[in-house]
Amino acid sequence: MSVAANRYAKALLDVLYPSGAERGLEQLESFSSLLSRETLVRQLFENPTIAADRRKSMFKAIADSLSYDVMVRNFFDLLIERNRLDLLGEIVNSYRKFLDERLGLVRAHVTSATPLDAHQQRELATKLERITGKQVRMYVAVDSSLIGGVIAQVGSTIYDGSVRQQLQTFKRRLTQD
């Protein structure tokens, strides 16, 4: 992530934390998602040949309809003014990372061979919290090619407890001996 994106994200988080931080993230993600889906809108907002006041006016209409907080509106006005909306995706990622750090959270991306029920998810979250020492926010997906078990990615660490991985390890051992 760029230094500029980190600076913008940290500045916004400092202003919004603690009471408006989560809502601020939702609003950042919502506008970023809009720009990702609507390429013409993105091109319009990122076009420096269109006066900043005009782009801000268009943003105000969107922000009004979505009830964005004043501080988030001001932040987007600043990005528009400085022609830095191209950094929005990086800013969102940095903001999310900084917010998680402040809240003592880690994100775990869990893939299982079959859907996990609520009890299994709580058990897995508890184990991951014990390992990481932090509160875990899990995102769960299903991949039947795992055959059985789960894979959990927390940051850059991968915990692979899948049957597929165990079979591959077993196969390597057999072919090496």
N, C-alpha and C. Protein backbone atom coordinates (compact mmCIF):
# COMPACT_ATOMS: atom_id res chain seq x y z
N MET A 1 0.83 -1.18 0.00
CA MET A 1 0.00 0.00 0.00
C MET A 1 0.88 1.24 0.00
N SER A 2 0.39 2.26 -0.66
CA SER A 2 1.20 3.46 -0.79
C SER A 2 1.22 4.25 0.52
N VAL A 3 2.27 5.03 0.66
CA VAL A 3 2.43 5.88 1.83
C VAL A 3 1.28 6.89 1.90
N ALA A 4 0.92 7.44 0.75
CA ALA A 4 -0.18 8.42 0.72
C ALA A 4 -1.49 7.79 1.18
N ALA A 5 -1.80 6.59 0.70
CA ALA A 5 -3.05 5.92 1.10
C ALA A 5 -3.05 5.67 2.60
N ASN A 6 -1.91 5.25 3.14
CA ASN A 6 -1.82 5.03 4.59
C ASN A 6 -2.05 6.33 5.36
N ARG A 7 -1.47 7.42 4.87
CA ARG A 7 -1.64 8.71 5.54
C ARG A 7 -3.09 9.16 5.55
N TYR A 8 -3.74 9.06 4.39
CA TYR A 8 -5.15 9.44 4.30
C TYR A 8 -6.01 8.57 5.22
N ALA A 9 -5.79 7.27 5.19
CA ALA A 9 -6.58 6.34 6.00
C ALA A 9 -6.39 6.62 7.49
N LYS A 10 -5.15 6.82 7.89
CA LYS A 10 -4.86 7.06 9.31
C LYS A 10 -5.49 8.38 9.76
N ALA A 11 -5.41 9.40 8.91
CA ALA A 11 -5.99 10.70 9.27
C ALA A 11 -7.50 10.59 9.46
N LEU A 12 -8.17 9.90 8.54
CA LEU A 12 -9.63 9.74 8.67
C LEU A 12 -9.97 8.93 9.91
N LEU A 13 -9.24 7.87 10.16
CA LEU A 13 -9.51 7.05 11.34
C LEU A 13 -9.29 7.85 12.62
N ASP A 14 -8.25 8.67 12.66
CA ASP A 14 -8.00 9.50 13.85
C ASP A 14 -9.18 10.43 14.13
N VAL A 15 -9.81 10.93 13.08
CA VAL A 15 -10.94 11.85 13.23
C VAL A 15 -12.20 11.08 13.66
N LEU A 16 -12.42 9.90 13.12
CA LEU A 16 -13.66 9.16 13.36
C LEU A 16 -13.63 8.26 14.59
N TYR A 17 -12.45 7.85 15.05
CA TYR A 17 -12.35 6.87 16.13
C TYR A 17 -12.70 7.51 17.46
N PRO A 18 -13.42 6.86 18.33
CA PRO A 18 -13.97 5.51 18.24
C PRO A 18 -15.41 5.45 17.74
N SER A 19 -16.19 6.51 17.98
CA SER A 19 -17.64 6.39 17.76
C SER A 19 -18.05 6.22 16.30
N GLY A 20 -17.36 6.85 15.37
CA GLY A 20 -17.79 6.78 13.97
C GLY A 20 -16.92 5.93 13.08
N ALA A 21 -15.98 5.20 13.67
CA ALA A 21 -14.99 4.47 12.87
C ALA A 21 -15.60 3.35 12.02
N GLU A 22 -16.47 2.55 12.61
CA GLU A 22 -17.07 1.43 11.87
C GLU A 22 -17.99 1.96 10.77
N ARG A 23 -18.77 2.95 11.09
CA ARG A 23 -19.67 3.55 10.09
C ARG A 23 -18.85 4.20 8.97
N GLY A 24 -17.75 4.83 9.33
CA GLY A 24 -16.87 5.42 8.34
C GLY A 24 -16.35 4.39 7.37
N LEU A 25 -15.98 3.21 7.89
CA LEU A 25 -15.51 2.13 7.03
C LEU A 25 -16.62 1.70 6.07
N GLU A 26 -17.83 1.55 6.59
CA GLU A 26 -18.96 1.16 5.73
C GLU A 26 -19.15 2.17 4.60
N GLN A 27 -19.05 3.45 4.91
CA GLN A 27 -19.25 4.49 3.91
C GLN A 27 -18.12 4.51 2.89
N LEU A 28 -16.88 4.33 3.34
CA LEU A 28 -15.75 4.23 2.42
C LEU A 28 -15.95 3.05 1.46
N GLU A 29 -16.30 1.90 2.04
CA GLU A 29 -16.50 0.70 1.22
C GLU A 29 -17.65 0.88 0.24
N SER A 30 -18.71 1.52 0.69
CA SER A 30 -19.88 1.71 -0.17
C SER A 30 -19.54 2.58 -1.38
N PHE A 31 -18.84 3.69 -1.17
CA PHE A 31 -18.50 4.56 -2.30
C PHE A 31 -17.45 3.90 -3.20
N SER A 32 -16.51 3.20 -2.60
CA SER A 32 -15.50 2.47 -3.38
C SER A 32 -16.16 1.42 -4.26
N SER A 33 -17.14 0.73 -3.70
CA SER A 33 -17.88 -0.29 -4.44
C SER A 33 -18.64 0.33 -5.61
N LEU A 34 -19.26 1.48 -5.35
CA LEU A 34 -19.98 2.19 -6.41
C LEU A 34 -19.02 2.53 -7.56
N LEU A 35 -17.86 3.07 -7.23
CA LEU A 35 -16.89 3.43 -8.26
C LEU A 35 -16.36 2.21 -9.00
N SER A 36 -16.26 1.08 -8.32
CA SER A 36 -15.80 -0.15 -8.98
C SER A 36 -16.83 -0.68 -9.95
N ARG A 37 -18.10 -0.60 -9.56
CA ARG A 37 -19.19 -1.11 -10.41
C ARG A 37 -19.47 -0.20 -11.59
N GLU A 38 -19.42 1.09 -11.36
CA GLU A 38 -19.82 2.08 -12.36
C GLU A 38 -18.59 2.79 -12.91
N THR A 39 -17.99 2.23 -13.96
CA THR A 39 -16.74 2.79 -14.48
C THR A 39 -16.92 4.21 -15.02
N LEU A 40 -18.07 4.52 -15.58
CA LEU A 40 -18.29 5.88 -16.08
C LEU A 40 -18.31 6.90 -14.94
N VAL A 41 -18.93 6.51 -13.83
CA VAL A 41 -18.97 7.39 -12.67
C VAL A 41 -17.55 7.59 -12.14
N ARG A 42 -16.79 6.51 -12.09
CA ARG A 42 -15.40 6.60 -11.62
C ARG A 42 -14.60 7.54 -12.53
N GLN A 43 -14.74 7.37 -13.84
CA GLN A 43 -14.01 8.23 -14.77
C GLN A 43 -14.41 9.69 -14.59
N LEU A 44 -15.67 9.93 -14.34
CA LEU A 44 -16.15 11.28 -14.12
C LEU A 44 -15.50 11.90 -12.87
N PHE A 45 -15.51 11.16 -11.76
CA PHE A 45 -14.95 11.67 -10.51
C PHE A 45 -13.43 11.81 -10.57
N GLU A 46 -12.76 10.98 -11.34
CA GLU A 46 -11.30 11.03 -11.40
C GLU A 46 -10.78 11.93 -12.52
N ASN A 47 -11.69 12.56 -13.27
CA ASN A 47 -11.29 13.39 -14.39
C ASN A 47 -10.89 14.79 -13.91
N PRO A 48 -9.60 15.14 -13.96
CA PRO A 48 -9.16 16.44 -13.45
C PRO A 48 -9.58 17.61 -14.34
N THR A 49 -10.06 17.33 -15.56
CA THR A 49 -10.49 18.43 -16.43
C THR A 49 -11.87 18.95 -16.04
N ILE A 50 -12.60 18.17 -15.25
CA ILE A 50 -13.89 18.63 -14.71
C ILE A 50 -13.58 19.36 -13.41
N ALA A 51 -14.10 20.55 -13.27
CA ALA A 51 -13.81 21.37 -12.08
C ALA A 51 -14.12 20.60 -10.80
N ALA A 52 -13.25 20.77 -9.82
CA ALA A 52 -13.42 20.07 -8.54
C ALA A 52 -14.75 20.43 -7.89
N ASP A 53 -15.16 21.69 -8.01
CA ASP A 53 -16.44 22.11 -7.41
C ASP A 53 -17.61 21.34 -8.03
N ARG A 54 -17.53 21.10 -9.31
CA ARG A 54 -18.61 20.35 -9.99
C ARG A 54 -18.61 18.89 -9.53
N ARG A 55 -17.42 18.29 -9.41
CA ARG A 55 -17.33 16.90 -8.94
C ARG A 55 -17.79 16.80 -7.49
N LYS A 56 -17.46 17.79 -6.67
CA LYS A 56 -17.90 17.80 -5.27
C LYS A 56 -19.42 17.91 -5.20
N SER A 57 -19.99 18.70 -6.06
CA SER A 57 -21.45 18.87 -6.10
C SER A 57 -22.12 17.54 -6.45
N MET A 58 -21.54 16.82 -7.42
CA MET A 58 -22.09 15.50 -7.77
C MET A 58 -21.95 14.52 -6.60
N PHE A 59 -20.81 14.59 -5.92
CA PHE A 59 -20.60 13.72 -4.77
C PHE A 59 -21.60 14.06 -3.67
N LYS A 60 -21.86 15.35 -3.46
CA LYS A 60 -22.79 15.77 -2.42
C LYS A 60 -24.16 15.14 -2.63
N ALA A 61 -24.61 15.10 -3.89
CA ALA A 61 -25.91 14.49 -4.19
C ALA A 61 -25.91 13.00 -3.80
N ILE A 62 -24.82 12.32 -4.10
CA ILE A 62 -24.71 10.89 -3.74
C ILE A 62 -24.66 10.75 -2.22
N ALA A 63 -23.82 11.57 -1.57
CA ALA A 63 -23.66 11.49 -0.12
C ALA A 63 -24.97 11.81 0.60
N ASP A 64 -25.73 12.76 0.07
CA ASP A 64 -27.03 13.09 0.67
C ASP A 64 -27.98 11.89 0.59
N SER A 65 -28.02 11.26 -0.57
CA SER A 65 -28.95 10.13 -0.73
C SER A 65 -28.53 8.93 0.12
N LEU A 66 -27.24 8.80 0.42
CA LEU A 66 -26.77 7.67 1.23
C LEU A 66 -26.54 8.04 2.69
N SER A 67 -26.86 9.28 3.07
CA SER A 67 -26.73 9.77 4.45
C SER A 67 -25.31 9.61 5.01
N TYR A 68 -24.32 10.02 4.24
CA TYR A 68 -22.93 9.95 4.71
C TYR A 68 -22.71 10.95 5.84
N ASP A 69 -21.84 10.58 6.77
CA ASP A 69 -21.46 11.45 7.87
C ASP A 69 -20.68 12.65 7.34
N VAL A 70 -20.76 13.76 8.07
CA VAL A 70 -20.11 15.01 7.66
C VAL A 70 -18.61 14.82 7.48
N MET A 71 -17.97 14.14 8.41
CA MET A 71 -16.51 13.97 8.33
C MET A 71 -16.12 13.14 7.11
N VAL A 72 -16.91 12.14 6.79
CA VAL A 72 -16.64 11.31 5.61
C VAL A 72 -16.85 12.14 4.35
N ARG A 73 -17.87 12.97 4.34
CA ARG A 73 -18.13 13.87 3.19
C ARG A 73 -16.92 14.79 2.99
N ASN A 74 -16.45 15.38 4.09
CA ASN A 74 -15.30 16.28 4.01
C ASN A 74 -14.07 15.54 3.49
N PHE A 75 -13.91 14.31 3.92
CA PHE A 75 -12.78 13.50 3.47
C PHE A 75 -12.84 13.28 1.96
N PHE A 76 -14.02 12.91 1.46
CA PHE A 76 -14.17 12.70 0.02
C PHE A 76 -13.98 14.01 -0.75
N ASP A 77 -14.46 15.12 -0.19
CA ASP A 77 -14.23 16.41 -0.84
C ASP A 77 -12.73 16.68 -0.98
N LEU A 78 -11.98 16.35 0.05
CA LEU A 78 -10.54 16.53 0.02
C LEU A 78 -9.90 15.66 -1.07
N LEU A 79 -10.32 14.40 -1.14
CA LEU A 79 -9.79 13.50 -2.17
C LEU A 79 -10.12 14.01 -3.57
N ILE A 80 -11.32 14.51 -3.74
CA ILE A 80 -11.73 15.04 -5.05
C ILE A 80 -10.90 16.28 -5.39
N GLU A 81 -10.76 17.17 -4.41
CA GLU A 81 -10.00 18.40 -4.60
C GLU A 81 -8.55 18.13 -5.02
N ARG A 82 -7.97 17.13 -4.38
CA ARG A 82 -6.55 16.81 -4.63
C ARG A 82 -6.35 15.76 -5.73
N ASN A 83 -7.45 15.39 -6.40
CA ASN A 83 -7.40 14.37 -7.45
C ASN A 83 -6.75 13.07 -6.96
N ARG A 84 -7.19 12.60 -5.79
CA ARG A 84 -6.63 11.39 -5.19
C ARG A 84 -7.64 10.27 -5.05
N LEU A 85 -8.77 10.36 -5.74
CA LEU A 85 -9.76 9.27 -5.67
C LEU A 85 -9.21 7.97 -6.23
N ASP A 86 -8.17 8.06 -7.05
CA ASP A 86 -7.56 6.84 -7.58
C ASP A 86 -6.95 5.98 -6.47
N LEU A 87 -6.73 6.56 -5.30
CA LEU A 87 -6.17 5.83 -4.16
C LEU A 87 -7.24 5.19 -3.28
N LEU A 88 -8.51 5.36 -3.63
CA LEU A 88 -9.59 4.95 -2.73
C LEU A 88 -9.53 3.48 -2.32
N GLY A 89 -9.27 2.59 -3.26
CA GLY A 89 -9.18 1.16 -2.91
C GLY A 89 -8.09 0.90 -1.88
N GLU A 90 -6.93 1.52 -2.06
CA GLU A 90 -5.83 1.36 -1.10
C GLU A 90 -6.17 2.00 0.24
N ILE A 91 -6.85 3.15 0.19
CA ILE A 91 -7.24 3.83 1.42
C ILE A 91 -8.19 2.96 2.23
N VAL A 92 -9.15 2.34 1.56
CA VAL A 92 -10.11 1.46 2.24
C VAL A 92 -9.37 0.31 2.92
N ASN A 93 -8.44 -0.33 2.19
CA ASN A 93 -7.68 -1.45 2.77
C ASN A 93 -6.85 -1.00 3.97
N SER A 94 -6.18 0.15 3.85
CA SER A 94 -5.37 0.67 4.95
C SER A 94 -6.24 1.02 6.15
N TYR A 95 -7.36 1.67 5.90
CA TYR A 95 -8.28 2.06 6.97
C TYR A 95 -8.75 0.81 7.72
N ARG A 96 -9.14 -0.22 6.97
CA ARG A 96 -9.61 -1.47 7.57
C ARG A 96 -8.52 -2.07 8.46
N LYS A 97 -7.29 -2.07 7.95
CA LYS A 97 -6.15 -2.63 8.70
C LYS A 97 -5.91 -1.84 9.98
N PHE A 98 -5.88 -0.51 9.88
CA PHE A 98 -5.65 0.32 11.07
C PHE A 98 -6.78 0.19 12.08
N LEU A 99 -8.02 0.11 11.60
CA LEU A 99 -9.16 -0.04 12.50
C LEU A 99 -9.09 -1.38 13.23
N ASP A 100 -8.78 -2.45 12.50
CA ASP A 100 -8.63 -3.76 13.13
C ASP A 100 -7.57 -3.72 14.23
N GLU A 101 -6.44 -3.07 13.95
CA GLU A 101 -5.36 -2.97 14.94
C GLU A 101 -5.85 -2.26 16.19
N ARG A 102 -6.57 -1.17 16.01
CA ARG A 102 -7.07 -0.41 17.17
C ARG A 102 -8.09 -1.21 17.97
N LEU A 103 -8.89 -2.01 17.28
CA LEU A 103 -9.92 -2.80 17.96
C LEU A 103 -9.37 -4.13 18.49
N GLY A 104 -8.11 -4.44 18.18
CA GLY A 104 -7.52 -5.71 18.61
C GLY A 104 -8.10 -6.90 17.86
N LEU A 105 -8.44 -6.69 16.58
CA LEU A 105 -9.05 -7.73 15.75
C LEU A 105 -8.06 -8.26 14.72
N VAL A 106 -8.27 -9.52 14.34
CA VAL A 106 -7.62 -10.06 13.15
C VAL A 106 -8.71 -10.67 12.29
N ARG A 107 -8.49 -10.63 11.01
CA ARG A 107 -9.46 -11.23 10.07
C ARG A 107 -8.94 -12.60 9.68
N ALA A 108 -9.84 -13.57 9.73
CA ALA A 108 -9.50 -14.93 9.34
C ALA A 108 -10.38 -15.32 8.16
N HIS A 109 -9.73 -15.71 7.08
CA HIS A 109 -10.45 -16.20 5.91
C HIS A 109 -10.40 -17.72 5.99
N VAL A 110 -11.55 -18.31 6.24
CA VAL A 110 -11.66 -19.75 6.47
C VAL A 110 -12.35 -20.40 5.29
N THR A 111 -11.74 -21.47 4.78
CA THR A 111 -12.35 -22.25 3.71
C THR A 111 -12.54 -23.66 4.25
N SER A 112 -13.75 -24.18 4.11
CA SER A 112 -14.03 -25.53 4.61
C SER A 112 -14.59 -26.38 3.47
N ALA A 113 -14.48 -27.69 3.65
CA ALA A 113 -14.96 -28.62 2.62
C ALA A 113 -16.49 -28.63 2.57
N THR A 114 -17.11 -28.44 3.72
CA THR A 114 -18.58 -28.39 3.81
C THR A 114 -18.96 -27.17 4.65
N PRO A 115 -20.19 -26.71 4.53
CA PRO A 115 -20.59 -25.54 5.33
C PRO A 115 -20.45 -25.81 6.83
N LEU A 116 -19.94 -24.80 7.54
CA LEU A 116 -19.79 -24.91 9.00
C LEU A 116 -21.03 -24.34 9.67
N ASP A 117 -21.57 -25.08 10.66
CA ASP A 117 -22.71 -24.55 11.40
C ASP A 117 -22.20 -23.52 12.42
N ALA A 118 -23.10 -22.85 13.10
CA ALA A 118 -22.74 -21.78 14.04
C ALA A 118 -21.82 -22.29 15.15
N HIS A 119 -22.10 -23.49 15.67
CA HIS A 119 -21.27 -24.06 16.74
C HIS A 119 -19.84 -24.31 16.25
N GLN A 120 -19.70 -24.90 15.06
CA GLN A 120 -18.37 -25.15 14.51
C GLN A 120 -17.62 -23.85 14.26
N GLN A 121 -18.32 -22.82 13.80
CA GLN A 121 -17.68 -21.53 13.57
C GLN A 121 -17.19 -20.91 14.89
N ARG A 122 -18.01 -21.02 15.94
CA ARG A 122 -17.60 -20.49 17.25
C ARG A 122 -16.38 -21.23 17.78
N GLU A 123 -16.38 -22.57 17.63
CA GLU A 123 -15.25 -23.37 18.08
C GLU A 123 -13.97 -22.98 17.35
N LEU A 124 -14.06 -22.85 16.03
CA LEU A 124 -12.91 -22.48 15.23
C LEU A 124 -12.43 -21.08 15.59
N ALA A 125 -13.35 -20.15 15.76
CA ALA A 125 -12.98 -18.78 16.15
C ALA A 125 -12.27 -18.78 17.49
N THR A 126 -12.74 -19.57 18.44
CA THR A 126 -12.12 -19.66 19.75
C THR A 126 -10.69 -20.19 19.64
N LYS A 127 -10.49 -21.23 18.82
CA LYS A 127 -9.14 -21.78 18.64
C LYS A 127 -8.21 -20.76 18.00
N LEU A 128 -8.72 -20.04 17.00
CA LEU A 128 -7.90 -19.03 16.34
C LEU A 128 -7.59 -17.87 17.28
N GLU A 129 -8.54 -17.52 18.14
CA GLU A 129 -8.30 -16.46 19.12
C GLU A 129 -7.22 -16.88 20.11
N ARG A 130 -7.24 -18.15 20.50
CA ARG A 130 -6.22 -18.67 21.41
C ARG A 130 -4.84 -18.60 20.75
N ILE A 131 -4.77 -18.97 19.48
CA ILE A 131 -3.50 -18.97 18.75
C ILE A 131 -2.98 -17.54 18.55
N THR A 132 -3.85 -16.62 18.14
CA THR A 132 -3.41 -15.27 17.79
C THR A 132 -3.38 -14.32 18.98
N GLY A 133 -4.14 -14.63 20.02
CA GLY A 133 -4.22 -13.73 21.16
C GLY A 133 -5.08 -12.51 20.88
N LYS A 134 -5.84 -12.54 19.80
CA LYS A 134 -6.70 -11.41 19.43
C LYS A 134 -8.10 -11.92 19.11
N GLN A 135 -9.04 -10.99 19.10
CA GLN A 135 -10.40 -11.33 18.69
C GLN A 135 -10.38 -11.57 17.18
N VAL A 136 -11.11 -12.61 16.76
CA VAL A 136 -11.09 -13.02 15.35
C VAL A 136 -12.42 -12.69 14.68
N ARG A 137 -12.34 -12.08 13.51
CA ARG A 137 -13.51 -11.87 12.67
C ARG A 137 -13.34 -12.82 11.48
N MET A 138 -14.24 -13.79 11.37
CA MET A 138 -14.10 -14.84 10.35
C MET A 138 -14.97 -14.58 9.14
N TYR A 139 -14.40 -14.90 7.99
CA TYR A 139 -15.11 -14.91 6.71
C TYR A 139 -15.01 -16.33 6.20
N VAL A 140 -16.15 -16.99 6.04
CA VAL A 140 -16.17 -18.42 5.75
C VAL A 140 -16.63 -18.66 4.31
N ALA A 141 -15.90 -19.55 3.62
CA ALA A 141 -16.26 -19.97 2.27
C ALA A 141 -16.21 -21.50 2.22
N VAL A 142 -16.81 -22.07 1.20
CA VAL A 142 -16.83 -23.53 1.05
C VAL A 142 -16.12 -23.90 -0.25
N ASP A 143 -15.25 -24.92 -0.16
CA ASP A 143 -14.54 -25.46 -1.33
C ASP A 143 -14.52 -26.98 -1.18
N SER A 144 -15.38 -27.66 -1.91
CA SER A 144 -15.51 -29.11 -1.77
C SER A 144 -14.25 -29.85 -2.20
N SER A 145 -13.34 -29.21 -2.95
CA SER A 145 -12.11 -29.88 -3.38
C SER A 145 -11.17 -30.15 -2.20
N LEU A 146 -11.46 -29.57 -1.04
CA LEU A 146 -10.63 -29.84 0.14
C LEU A 146 -10.88 -31.25 0.68
N ILE A 147 -11.93 -31.88 0.26
CA ILE A 147 -12.36 -33.22 0.66
C ILE A 147 -12.90 -33.21 2.09
N GLY A 148 -12.18 -32.63 3.03
CA GLY A 148 -12.60 -32.53 4.42
C GLY A 148 -11.69 -31.54 5.12
N GLY A 149 -12.09 -31.09 6.33
CA GLY A 149 -11.26 -30.18 7.10
C GLY A 149 -11.42 -28.73 6.69
N VAL A 150 -10.49 -27.90 7.19
CA VAL A 150 -10.54 -26.46 6.92
C VAL A 150 -9.15 -25.89 6.67
N ILE A 151 -9.13 -24.75 5.99
CA ILE A 151 -7.93 -23.94 5.84
C ILE A 151 -8.29 -22.58 6.39
N ALA A 152 -7.44 -22.04 7.29
CA ALA A 152 -7.67 -20.72 7.85
C ALA A 152 -6.46 -19.85 7.55
N GLN A 153 -6.71 -18.67 6.99
CA GLN A 153 -5.64 -17.72 6.74
C GLN A 153 -5.86 -16.51 7.63
N VAL A 154 -4.87 -16.25 8.48
CA VAL A 154 -4.90 -15.11 9.38
C VAL A 154 -3.67 -14.28 9.04
N GLY A 155 -3.90 -13.13 8.41
CA GLY A 155 -2.76 -12.34 7.93
C GLY A 155 -2.03 -13.12 6.86
N SER A 156 -0.73 -13.28 7.03
CA SER A 156 0.06 -14.04 6.05
C SER A 156 0.26 -15.49 6.49
N THR A 157 -0.32 -15.87 7.63
CA THR A 157 -0.16 -17.24 8.13
C THR A 157 -1.33 -18.10 7.70
N ILE A 158 -1.01 -19.29 7.19
CA ILE A 158 -2.04 -20.22 6.74
C ILE A 158 -1.99 -21.47 7.60
N TYR A 159 -3.13 -21.82 8.16
CA TYR A 159 -3.28 -23.05 8.94
C TYR A 159 -4.08 -24.01 8.08
N ASP A 160 -3.42 -25.03 7.55
CA ASP A 160 -4.06 -25.95 6.61
C ASP A 160 -4.34 -27.28 7.29
N GLY A 161 -5.59 -27.51 7.62
CA GLY A 161 -6.02 -28.76 8.23
C GLY A 161 -6.94 -29.52 7.29
N SER A 162 -6.71 -29.37 6.00
CA SER A 162 -7.59 -30.03 5.02
C SER A 162 -7.13 -31.45 4.75
N VAL A 163 -8.06 -32.29 4.39
CA VAL A 163 -7.74 -33.67 4.02
C VAL A 163 -6.89 -33.65 2.75
N ARG A 164 -7.19 -32.76 1.84
CA ARG A 164 -6.42 -32.66 0.59
C ARG A 164 -4.94 -32.45 0.90
N GLN A 165 -4.62 -31.54 1.83
CA GLN A 165 -3.23 -31.27 2.20
C GLN A 165 -2.60 -32.49 2.87
N GLN A 166 -3.36 -33.16 3.72
CA GLN A 166 -2.83 -34.35 4.40
C GLN A 166 -2.52 -35.45 3.40
N LEU A 167 -3.39 -35.62 2.39
CA LEU A 167 -3.13 -36.62 1.35
C LEU A 167 -1.91 -36.25 0.51
N GLN A 168 -1.73 -34.96 0.21
CA GLN A 168 -0.56 -34.53 -0.55
C GLN A 168 0.72 -34.77 0.24
N THR A 169 0.69 -34.50 1.53
CA THR A 169 1.85 -34.75 2.40
C THR A 169 2.16 -36.24 2.45
N PHE A 170 1.13 -37.05 2.58
CA PHE A 170 1.30 -38.50 2.62
C PHE A 170 1.91 -39.00 1.30
N LYS A 171 1.42 -38.48 0.19
CA LYS A 171 1.93 -38.86 -1.13
C LYS A 171 3.40 -38.50 -1.27
N ARG A 172 3.80 -37.29 -0.81
CA ARG A 172 5.20 -36.89 -0.87
C ARG A 172 6.09 -37.82 -0.07
N ARG A 173 5.62 -38.20 1.12
CA ARG A 173 6.40 -39.11 1.97
C ARG A 173 6.58 -40.47 1.30
N LEU A 174 5.51 -40.97 0.66
CA LEU A 174 5.60 -42.26 0.00
C LEU A 174 6.57 -42.23 -1.17
N THR A 175 6.54 -41.15 -1.94
CA THR A 175 7.40 -41.08 -3.13
C THR A 175 8.84 -40.75 -2.77
N GLN A 176 9.09 -40.17 -1.61
CA GLN A 176 10.46 -39.86 -1.19
C GLN A 176 11.18 -41.09 -0.64
N ASP A 177 10.46 -41.96 -0.01
CA ASP A 177 11.09 -43.14 0.61
C ASP A 177 11.26 -44.21 -0.38
